[in-house]
Amino acid sequence: MKTFSAEHLLALAAILAVVGGVVTAARLRPGAWTVPVCRALAIVLVVNESSWWAWLALQGTYSISYALPFQLCDIACFVAAAALWTRRPLLVELT
């Protein structure tokens, strides 16, 4: 997928719509439904990050110098997943 192609822009618009909808719904109607949504999003984040590492390994391009798994973005992804799962204020602030 090329950057700023129709498919790329459509995917970005879909992500924006879903995130905007969930945030708006949580603000307007908070409740018990937010816990499973947060946990589902946490699972998506962990699966996405883990599948990236697996894809690199299957392509034969995984190396410590190329994809060190402890880069700031990788850590932020797992901290965000932990914040969504546990809803602890410190993890939310770190994210």
Protein backbone atom coordinates (compact mmCIF):
# COMPACT_ATOMS: atom_id res chain seq x y z
CA MET A 1 0.00 0.00 0.00
CA LYS A 2 1.45 3.34 -1.02
CA THR A 3 1.42 6.28 1.34
CA PHE A 4 -1.53 8.59 0.61
CA SER A 5 -3.06 6.20 -1.90
CA ALA A 6 -6.84 5.80 -1.88
CA GLU A 7 -6.54 2.61 0.19
CA HIS A 8 -4.24 4.30 2.70
CA LEU A 9 -6.53 7.30 3.11
CA LEU A 10 -9.58 5.05 3.42
CA ALA A 11 -7.89 2.99 6.15
CA LEU A 12 -6.93 6.17 8.01
CA ALA A 13 -10.49 7.51 7.70
CA ALA A 14 -11.92 4.23 9.02
CA ILE A 15 -9.55 4.26 12.00
CA LEU A 16 -10.41 7.90 12.71
CA ALA A 17 -14.14 7.16 12.53
CA VAL A 18 -13.92 4.16 14.88
CA VAL A 19 -11.70 5.94 17.40
CA GLY A 20 -13.80 9.09 17.25
CA GLY A 21 -16.97 7.07 17.71
CA VAL A 22 -15.64 5.12 20.69
CA VAL A 23 -14.28 8.25 22.38
CA THR A 24 -17.53 10.15 21.81
CA ALA A 25 -19.62 7.23 23.06
CA ALA A 26 -17.44 6.87 26.18
CA ARG A 27 -17.80 10.58 26.93
CA LEU A 28 -21.55 10.71 26.34
CA ARG A 29 -22.53 7.35 27.82
CA PRO A 30 -19.84 6.02 30.17
CA GLY A 31 -20.54 2.67 31.71
CA ALA A 32 -19.57 -0.94 32.06
CA TRP A 33 -19.33 -1.37 28.28
CA THR A 34 -16.06 0.58 28.26
CA VAL A 35 -14.14 -2.18 30.07
CA PRO A 36 -14.51 -4.83 27.32
CA VAL A 37 -13.84 -2.20 24.64
CA CYS A 38 -10.63 -1.13 26.41
CA ARG A 39 -9.51 -4.72 26.79
CA ALA A 40 -10.27 -5.50 23.15
CA LEU A 41 -8.19 -2.51 22.09
CA ALA A 42 -5.36 -3.66 24.39
CA ILE A 43 -5.42 -7.07 22.72
CA VAL A 44 -5.37 -5.45 19.28
CA LEU A 45 -2.30 -3.40 20.24
CA VAL A 46 -0.38 -6.42 21.56
CA VAL A 47 -1.34 -8.63 18.61
CA ASN A 48 -0.40 -5.88 16.14
CA GLU A 49 3.03 -5.33 17.70
CA SER A 50 3.72 -9.06 18.05
CA SER A 51 2.63 -9.79 14.49
CA TRP A 52 5.02 -7.11 13.23
CA TRP A 53 7.93 -8.93 14.89
CA ALA A 54 6.70 -12.27 13.53
CA TRP A 55 6.40 -10.82 10.02
CA LEU A 56 9.95 -9.47 10.20
CA ALA A 57 11.20 -12.89 11.34
CA LEU A 58 9.34 -14.71 8.54
CA GLN A 59 10.73 -12.29 5.96
CA GLY A 60 14.23 -12.87 7.25
CA THR A 61 14.73 -9.16 7.97
CA TYR A 62 14.57 -9.34 11.74
CA SER A 63 17.81 -8.33 13.36
CA ILE A 64 18.71 -6.54 16.56
CA SER A 65 20.13 -3.62 14.59
CA TYR A 66 16.96 -3.26 12.49
CA ALA A 67 14.11 -4.04 14.83
CA LEU A 68 15.29 -3.94 18.41
CA PRO A 69 12.09 -4.76 20.33
CA PHE A 70 12.76 -2.18 23.02
CA GLN A 71 12.45 1.01 21.01
CA LEU A 72 10.40 3.79 22.54
CA CYS A 73 7.38 3.18 20.27
CA ASP A 74 7.37 -0.54 21.08
CA ILE A 75 7.47 0.15 24.79
CA ALA A 76 4.76 2.80 24.45
CA CYS A 77 2.54 0.29 22.67
CA PHE A 78 2.80 -2.21 25.52
CA VAL A 79 2.37 0.49 28.17
CA ALA A 80 -0.75 1.68 26.33
CA ALA A 81 -2.09 -1.89 26.26
CA ALA A 82 -1.41 -2.25 29.99
CA ALA A 83 -3.10 1.11 30.64
CA LEU A 84 -6.16 0.02 28.68
CA TRP A 85 -6.30 -3.35 30.43
CA THR A 86 -5.72 -2.20 34.02
CA ARG A 87 -6.92 1.43 33.77
CA ARG A 88 -4.24 2.55 36.23
CA PRO A 89 -3.69 6.32 36.18
CA LEU A 90 0.11 6.05 36.18
CA LEU A 91 0.12 3.88 33.04
CA VAL A 92 -2.35 6.23 31.37
CA GLU A 93 -0.08 9.18 32.12
CA LEU A 94 3.00 7.32 30.86
CA THR A 95 1.20 6.50 27.64
